[in-house]
């Protein structure tokens, strides 16, 4: 299971192209269930303990952020946008549809990078995919950074927030979509919008997750 072509085929064969519930303007290759796909990925790669296939789902925070961007295109229109830990590419695709000048979708998962390419093509937009861990370097020269549903783990959230605060100090606008994850530092954020997002019980503890879009103050 090495090589971009095989990853492409794996994604096509193990997902279905479906409209995103809160963002019907966008369709993604989505898995029906998380655990079987996770296990199959490990079997195909011959590796155990891999991270979940985050790229195969439209997570609640990402849906909320994508909806907000499409409803408020001025947030990204004619701007350079970075979608950090992009997963499926949903938020980056929404930014391009809203008129962004350029979007880079960054994710350290090679399957996610291929999913971004596949989903961007399906939605007829051009999104650049980057596999570098951008948190290891200063924030790049962009106008907006978008973060969909990434505050689920303490170590990740701490590292990410320090990096994002550096970005805001550089004058970069930071938008975050989150459904109430444990490690979201709400005291440092300003609420922009709230959505009730349809999700799957396979991923969440409810069929509807109230999710908010925040701006880093």
C-alpha atoms as a PDB file:
ATOM      1  CA  UNK A   1       0.000   0.000   0.000  1.00  0.00           C
ATOM      2  CA  UNK A   2       2.758   2.430  -0.825  1.00  0.00           C
ATOM      3  CA  UNK A   3       2.436   5.138  -3.409  1.00  0.00           C
ATOM      4  CA  UNK A   4      -0.048   7.837  -4.260  1.00  0.00           C
ATOM      5  CA  UNK A   5      -1.891   5.762  -6.885  1.00  0.00           C
ATOM      6  CA  UNK A   6      -2.718   3.032  -4.353  1.00  0.00           C
ATOM      7  CA  UNK A   7      -3.897   5.543  -1.770  1.00  0.00           C
ATOM      8  CA  UNK A   8      -6.121   7.098  -4.418  1.00  0.00           C
ATOM      9  CA  UNK A   9      -7.660   3.726  -5.265  1.00  0.00           C
ATOM     10  CA  UNK A  10      -8.066   2.799  -1.591  1.00  0.00           C
ATOM     11  CA  UNK A  11     -10.020   5.986  -0.893  1.00  0.00           C
ATOM     12  CA  UNK A  12     -12.261   5.576  -3.938  1.00  0.00           C
ATOM     13  CA  UNK A  13     -12.970   1.925  -3.138  1.00  0.00           C
ATOM     14  CA  UNK A  14     -13.696   2.408   0.564  1.00  0.00           C
ATOM     15  CA  UNK A  15     -15.762   5.601   0.596  1.00  0.00           C
ATOM     16  CA  UNK A  16     -18.869   6.970  -1.032  1.00  0.00           C
ATOM     17  CA  UNK A  17     -19.250  10.384  -2.636  1.00  0.00           C
ATOM     18  CA  UNK A  18     -21.881  12.176  -0.564  1.00  0.00           C
ATOM     19  CA  UNK A  19     -23.043  15.757   0.039  1.00  0.00           C
ATOM     20  CA  UNK A  20     -21.988  17.209   3.398  1.00  0.00           C
ATOM     21  CA  UNK A  21     -25.124  17.522   5.595  1.00  0.00           C
ATOM     22  CA  UNK A  22     -24.633  21.158   6.667  1.00  0.00           C
ATOM     23  CA  UNK A  23     -22.826  22.169   3.480  1.00  0.00           C
ATOM     24  CA  UNK A  24     -24.786  20.664   0.626  1.00  0.00           C
ATOM     25  CA  UNK A  25     -22.807  22.717  -1.887  1.00  0.00           C
ATOM     26  CA  UNK A  26     -19.858  20.391  -1.245  1.00  0.00           C
ATOM     27  CA  UNK A  27     -19.601  16.622  -1.704  1.00  0.00           C
ATOM     28  CA  UNK A  28     -16.874  14.466  -0.158  1.00  0.00           C
ATOM     29  CA  UNK A  29     -15.693  10.881  -0.328  1.00  0.00           C
ATOM     30  CA  UNK A  30     -16.941   9.707   3.077  1.00  0.00           C
ATOM     31  CA  UNK A  31     -16.671   6.357   4.854  1.00  0.00           C
ATOM     32  CA  UNK A  32     -19.831   4.690   6.101  1.00  0.00           C
ATOM     33  CA  UNK A  33     -18.209   3.503   9.353  1.00  0.00           C
ATOM     34  CA  UNK A  34     -15.006   4.527  11.098  1.00  0.00           C
ATOM     35  CA  UNK A  35     -13.752   1.338  12.751  1.00  0.00           C
ATOM     36  CA  UNK A  36     -13.881  -1.012   9.717  1.00  0.00           C
ATOM     37  CA  UNK A  37     -12.040   1.536   7.570  1.00  0.00           C
ATOM     38  CA  UNK A  38      -9.492   2.111  10.330  1.00  0.00           C
ATOM     39  CA  UNK A  39      -8.848  -1.632  10.598  1.00  0.00           C
ATOM     40  CA  UNK A  40      -8.645  -2.043   6.833  1.00  0.00           C
ATOM     41  CA  UNK A  41      -6.122   0.786   6.579  1.00  0.00           C
ATOM     42  CA  UNK A  42      -3.894  -0.920   9.155  1.00  0.00           C
ATOM     43  CA  UNK A  43      -4.213  -4.256   7.347  1.00  0.00           C
ATOM     44  CA  UNK A  44      -3.386  -2.774   3.960  1.00  0.00           C
ATOM     45  CA  UNK A  45      -0.364  -0.911   5.287  1.00  0.00           C
ATOM     46  CA  UNK A  46       0.765  -3.748   7.540  1.00  0.00           C
ATOM     47  CA  UNK A  47       0.958  -1.340  10.490  1.00  0.00           C
ATOM     48  CA  UNK A  48      -0.880  -1.281  13.794  1.00  0.00           C
ATOM     49  CA  UNK A  49      -1.649   1.711  15.989  1.00  0.00           C
ATOM     50  CA  UNK A  50      -2.303   4.101  13.127  1.00  0.00           C
ATOM     51  CA  UNK A  51      -4.320   7.252  13.836  1.00  0.00           C
ATOM     52  CA  UNK A  52      -8.017   7.153  12.929  1.00  0.00           C
ATOM     53  CA  UNK A  53      -8.948   7.976   9.321  1.00  0.00           C
ATOM     54  CA  UNK A  54      -9.886  11.587  10.087  1.00  0.00           C
ATOM     55  CA  UNK A  55      -9.831  12.280   6.332  1.00  0.00           C
ATOM     56  CA  UNK A  56     -12.836  10.020   5.721  1.00  0.00           C
ATOM     57  CA  UNK A  57     -15.454  12.051   7.581  1.00  0.00           C
ATOM     58  CA  UNK A  58     -17.028  15.499   7.664  1.00  0.00           C
ATOM     59  CA  UNK A  59     -16.423  16.369  11.325  1.00  0.00           C
ATOM     60  CA  UNK A  60     -18.840  18.686  13.115  1.00  0.00           C
ATOM     61  CA  UNK A  61     -16.391  21.549  13.650  1.00  0.00           C
ATOM     62  CA  UNK A  62     -15.279  21.452  10.035  1.00  0.00           C
ATOM     63  CA  UNK A  63     -18.875  21.485   8.809  1.00  0.00           C
ATOM     64  CA  UNK A  64     -19.671  24.524  10.935  1.00  0.00           C
ATOM     65  CA  UNK A  65     -16.590  26.383   9.748  1.00  0.00           C
ATOM     66  CA  UNK A  66     -17.244  25.531   6.096  1.00  0.00           C
ATOM     67  CA  UNK A  67     -20.845  26.746   6.444  1.00  0.00           C
ATOM     68  CA  UNK A  68     -19.680  29.997   8.050  1.00  0.00           C
ATOM     69  CA  UNK A  69     -17.144  30.659   5.311  1.00  0.00           C
ATOM     70  CA  UNK A  70     -19.661  30.082   2.522  1.00  0.00           C
ATOM     71  CA  UNK A  71     -22.206  32.312   4.273  1.00  0.00           C
ATOM     72  CA  UNK A  72     -19.568  34.992   4.979  1.00  0.00           C
ATOM     73  CA  UNK A  73     -17.294  34.921   1.914  1.00  0.00           C
ATOM     74  CA  UNK A  74     -15.638  38.201   2.863  1.00  0.00           C
ATOM     75  CA  UNK A  75     -13.663  36.270   5.480  1.00  0.00           C
ATOM     76  CA  UNK A  76     -11.586  34.627   2.748  1.00  0.00           C
ATOM     77  CA  UNK A  77     -12.409  36.327  -0.559  1.00  0.00           C
ATOM     78  CA  UNK A  78      -9.235  37.212  -2.524  1.00  0.00           C
ATOM     79  CA  UNK A  79      -7.107  36.067   0.430  1.00  0.00           C
ATOM     80  CA  UNK A  80      -4.457  33.396   0.896  1.00  0.00           C
ATOM     81  CA  UNK A  81      -5.800  30.711   3.231  1.00  0.00           C
ATOM     82  CA  UNK A  82      -4.176  27.856   5.144  1.00  0.00           C
ATOM     83  CA  UNK A  83      -6.370  24.938   6.222  1.00  0.00           C
ATOM     84  CA  UNK A  84      -4.332  23.302   8.991  1.00  0.00           C
ATOM     85  CA  UNK A  85      -4.845  19.556   9.686  1.00  0.00           C
ATOM     86  CA  UNK A  86      -7.202  19.594   6.751  1.00  0.00           C
ATOM     87  CA  UNK A  87      -8.420  15.988   6.793  1.00  0.00           C
ATOM     88  CA  UNK A  88     -10.881  15.638   3.929  1.00  0.00           C
ATOM     89  CA  UNK A  89     -10.188  19.179   2.731  1.00  0.00           C
ATOM     90  CA  UNK A  90     -13.732  20.342   3.490  1.00  0.00           C
ATOM     91  CA  UNK A  91     -12.879  23.755   4.946  1.00  0.00           C
ATOM     92  CA  UNK A  92     -10.248  24.514   2.323  1.00  0.00           C
ATOM     93  CA  UNK A  93     -12.685  23.598  -0.445  1.00  0.00           C
ATOM     94  CA  UNK A  94     -15.288  25.905   1.103  1.00  0.00           C
ATOM     95  CA  UNK A  95     -12.721  28.718   1.153  1.00  0.00           C
ATOM     96  CA  UNK A  96     -11.999  28.301  -2.545  1.00  0.00           C
ATOM     97  CA  UNK A  97     -15.710  28.215  -3.345  1.00  0.00           C
ATOM     98  CA  UNK A  98     -16.065  31.447  -1.343  1.00  0.00           C
ATOM     99  CA  UNK A  99     -13.486  33.184  -3.520  1.00  0.00           C
ATOM    100  CA  UNK A 100     -10.133  32.688  -1.797  1.00  0.00           C
ATOM    101  CA  UNK A 101      -7.140  33.596  -3.937  1.00  0.00           C
ATOM    102  CA  UNK A 102      -5.198  30.501  -2.877  1.00  0.00           C
ATOM    103  CA  UNK A 103      -5.743  27.674  -0.394  1.00  0.00           C
ATOM    104  CA  UNK A 104      -3.157  25.316   1.056  1.00  0.00           C
ATOM    105  CA  UNK A 105      -4.488  22.249   2.872  1.00  0.00           C
ATOM    106  CA  UNK A 106      -1.868  20.901   5.279  1.00  0.00           C
ATOM    107  CA  UNK A 107      -1.994  17.462   6.885  1.00  0.00           C
ATOM    108  CA  UNK A 108       0.703  15.009   7.966  1.00  0.00           C
ATOM    109  CA  UNK A 109      -1.459  11.999   6.971  1.00  0.00           C
ATOM    110  CA  UNK A 110      -0.629  10.911   3.431  1.00  0.00           C
ATOM    111  CA  UNK A 111      -4.147   9.533   2.977  1.00  0.00           C
ATOM    112  CA  UNK A 112      -5.540  12.950   3.883  1.00  0.00           C
ATOM    113  CA  UNK A 113      -3.399  14.604   1.216  1.00  0.00           C
ATOM    114  CA  UNK A 114      -4.777  12.245  -1.397  1.00  0.00           C
ATOM    115  CA  UNK A 115      -8.317  12.763  -0.081  1.00  0.00           C
ATOM    116  CA  UNK A 116      -7.855  16.529  -0.428  1.00  0.00           C
ATOM    117  CA  UNK A 117      -6.803  16.114  -4.046  1.00  0.00           C
ATOM    118  CA  UNK A 118      -9.728  13.799  -4.817  1.00  0.00           C
ATOM    119  CA  UNK A 119     -12.329  15.967  -3.059  1.00  0.00           C
ATOM    120  CA  UNK A 120     -11.033  19.212  -4.534  1.00  0.00           C
ATOM    121  CA  UNK A 121     -11.280  17.727  -8.024  1.00  0.00           C
ATOM    122  CA  UNK A 122     -14.826  16.518  -7.376  1.00  0.00           C
ATOM    123  CA  UNK A 123     -15.815  20.020  -6.263  1.00  0.00           C
ATOM    124  CA  UNK A 124     -14.004  21.683  -9.194  1.00  0.00           C
ATOM    125  CA  UNK A 125     -11.639  23.812  -7.141  1.00  0.00           C
ATOM    126  CA  UNK A 126      -7.862  23.986  -6.917  1.00  0.00           C
ATOM    127  CA  UNK A 127      -6.458  23.304  -3.443  1.00  0.00           C
ATOM    128  CA  UNK A 128      -2.730  22.783  -2.857  1.00  0.00           C
ATOM    129  CA  UNK A 129      -1.879  19.905  -0.500  1.00  0.00           C
ATOM    130  CA  UNK A 130       1.080  20.049   1.900  1.00  0.00           C
ATOM    131  CA  UNK A 131       2.357  17.131   3.981  1.00  0.00           C
ATOM    132  CA  UNK A 132       4.750  19.054   6.221  1.00  0.00           C
ATOM    133  CA  UNK A 133       4.167  19.488   9.945  1.00  0.00           C
ATOM    134  CA  UNK A 134       3.784  23.250   9.793  1.00  0.00           C
ATOM    135  CA  UNK A 135       3.668  23.568  13.575  1.00  0.00           C
ATOM    136  CA  UNK A 136       7.413  22.933  13.593  1.00  0.00           C
ATOM    137  CA  UNK A 137       8.049  26.287  11.890  1.00  0.00           C
ATOM    138  CA  UNK A 138       6.732  29.855  12.122  1.00  0.00           C
ATOM    139  CA  UNK A 139       3.289  30.346  10.550  1.00  0.00           C
ATOM    140  CA  UNK A 140       3.510  30.862   6.787  1.00  0.00           C
ATOM    141  CA  UNK A 141       2.762  34.127   5.025  1.00  0.00           C
ATOM    142  CA  UNK A 142      -1.019  33.831   4.630  1.00  0.00           C
ATOM    143  CA  UNK A 143      -4.000  36.053   5.388  1.00  0.00           C
ATOM    144  CA  UNK A 144      -6.243  33.501   7.099  1.00  0.00           C
ATOM    145  CA  UNK A 145      -5.722  30.219   8.958  1.00  0.00           C
ATOM    146  CA  UNK A 146      -8.747  27.930   9.354  1.00  0.00           C
ATOM    147  CA  UNK A 147      -8.899  25.122  11.918  1.00  0.00           C
ATOM    148  CA  UNK A 148     -11.689  22.540  11.873  1.00  0.00           C
ATOM    149  CA  UNK A 149     -12.225  20.352  14.947  1.00  0.00           C
ATOM    150  CA  UNK A 150      -8.652  19.958  16.196  1.00  0.00           C
ATOM    151  CA  UNK A 151      -8.933  20.506  19.969  1.00  0.00           C
ATOM    152  CA  UNK A 152      -9.701  16.918  20.922  1.00  0.00           C
ATOM    153  CA  UNK A 153      -6.337  16.083  22.541  1.00  0.00           C
ATOM    154  CA  UNK A 154      -4.454  18.148  25.142  1.00  0.00           C
ATOM    155  CA  UNK A 155      -0.950  17.930  23.705  1.00  0.00           C
ATOM    156  CA  UNK A 156      -2.138  18.751  20.191  1.00  0.00           C
ATOM    157  CA  UNK A 157      -4.325  21.612  21.425  1.00  0.00           C
ATOM    158  CA  UNK A 158      -1.525  23.202  23.465  1.00  0.00           C
ATOM    159  CA  UNK A 159       0.985  23.030  20.633  1.00  0.00           C
ATOM    160  CA  UNK A 160      -1.550  24.284  18.108  1.00  0.00           C
ATOM    161  CA  UNK A 161      -2.728  27.190  20.250  1.00  0.00           C
ATOM    162  CA  UNK A 162       0.794  28.468  20.831  1.00  0.00           C
ATOM    163  CA  UNK A 163       1.372  28.402  17.086  1.00  0.00           C
ATOM    164  CA  UNK A 164      -1.932  30.122  16.329  1.00  0.00           C
ATOM    165  CA  UNK A 165      -1.199  32.902  18.802  1.00  0.00           C
ATOM    166  CA  UNK A 166       2.060  33.501  16.972  1.00  0.00           C
ATOM    167  CA  UNK A 167       0.026  33.728  13.777  1.00  0.00           C
ATOM    168  CA  UNK A 168      -2.348  36.336  15.180  1.00  0.00           C
ATOM    169  CA  UNK A 169       0.649  38.364  16.381  1.00  0.00           C
ATOM    170  CA  UNK A 170       1.762  38.401  12.735  1.00  0.00           C
ATOM    171  CA  UNK A 171      -1.625  39.801  11.710  1.00  0.00           C
ATOM    172  CA  UNK A 172      -3.108  36.535  10.439  1.00  0.00           C
ATOM    173  CA  UNK A 173      -6.850  36.047  10.959  1.00  0.00           C
ATOM    174  CA  UNK A 174      -7.562  32.709  12.704  1.00  0.00           C
ATOM    175  CA  UNK A 175     -10.965  31.013  12.451  1.00  0.00           C
ATOM    176  CA  UNK A 176     -11.790  27.858  14.402  1.00  0.00           C
ATOM    177  CA  UNK A 177     -14.738  25.484  14.060  1.00  0.00           C
ATOM    178  CA  UNK A 178     -15.381  23.330  17.144  1.00  0.00           C
ATOM    179  CA  UNK A 179     -18.253  21.237  18.578  1.00  0.00           C
ATOM    180  CA  UNK A 180     -17.260  21.656  22.221  1.00  0.00           C
ATOM    181  CA  UNK A 181     -14.084  19.579  22.399  1.00  0.00           C
ATOM    182  CA  UNK A 182     -12.468  19.385  25.812  1.00  0.00           C
ATOM    183  CA  UNK A 183      -9.306  21.365  25.101  1.00  0.00           C
ATOM    184  CA  UNK A 184     -10.687  24.367  23.246  1.00  0.00           C
ATOM    185  CA  UNK A 185      -9.465  27.514  25.108  1.00  0.00           C
ATOM    186  CA  UNK A 186     -12.725  29.466  24.930  1.00  0.00           C
ATOM    187  CA  UNK A 187     -11.426  32.283  27.128  1.00  0.00           C
ATOM    188  CA  UNK A 188      -9.078  33.310  24.299  1.00  0.00           C
ATOM    189  CA  UNK A 189     -11.713  33.221  21.562  1.00  0.00           C
ATOM    190  CA  UNK A 190     -14.578  35.345  20.260  1.00  0.00           C
ATOM    191  CA  UNK A 191     -17.717  33.540  19.056  1.00  0.00           C
ATOM    192  CA  UNK A 192     -18.786  34.265  15.468  1.00  0.00           C
ATOM    193  CA  UNK A 193     -21.634  31.819  14.835  1.00  0.00           C
ATOM    194  CA  UNK A 194     -23.353  28.675  16.098  1.00  0.00           C
ATOM    195  CA  UNK A 195     -24.787  25.732  14.121  1.00  0.00           C
ATOM    196  CA  UNK A 196     -26.585  22.485  14.872  1.00  0.00           C
ATOM    197  CA  UNK A 197     -24.607  20.006  12.790  1.00  0.00           C
ATOM    198  CA  UNK A 198     -25.912  16.573  11.706  1.00  0.00           C
ATOM    199  CA  UNK A 199     -23.270  13.913  12.437  1.00  0.00           C
ATOM    200  CA  UNK A 200     -23.047  10.140  12.605  1.00  0.00           C
ATOM    201  CA  UNK A 201     -23.400   8.195  15.845  1.00  0.00           C
ATOM    202  CA  UNK A 202     -20.360   6.208  14.766  1.00  0.00           C
ATOM    203  CA  UNK A 203     -18.233   9.274  15.532  1.00  0.00           C
ATOM    204  CA  UNK A 204     -20.090  11.303  18.130  1.00  0.00           C
ATOM    205  CA  UNK A 205     -22.297  10.932  21.200  1.00  0.00           C
ATOM    206  CA  UNK A 206     -25.311  12.502  19.496  1.00  0.00           C
ATOM    207  CA  UNK A 207     -26.867  12.792  16.047  1.00  0.00           C
ATOM    208  CA  UNK A 208     -26.773  16.600  16.242  1.00  0.00           C
ATOM    209  CA  UNK A 209     -23.726  18.450  17.604  1.00  0.00           C
ATOM    210  CA  UNK A 210     -23.977  22.127  18.407  1.00  0.00           C
ATOM    211  CA  UNK A 211     -20.815  23.587  16.926  1.00  0.00           C
ATOM    212  CA  UNK A 212     -19.432  27.100  17.033  1.00  0.00           C
ATOM    213  CA  UNK A 213     -17.160  29.146  14.861  1.00  0.00           C
ATOM    214  CA  UNK A 214     -14.636  31.222  16.783  1.00  0.00           C
ATOM    215  CA  UNK A 215     -12.087  33.893  15.991  1.00  0.00           C
ATOM    216  CA  UNK A 216      -8.855  33.972  17.930  1.00  0.00           C
ATOM    217  CA  UNK A 217      -8.751  37.327  19.684  1.00  0.00           C
END
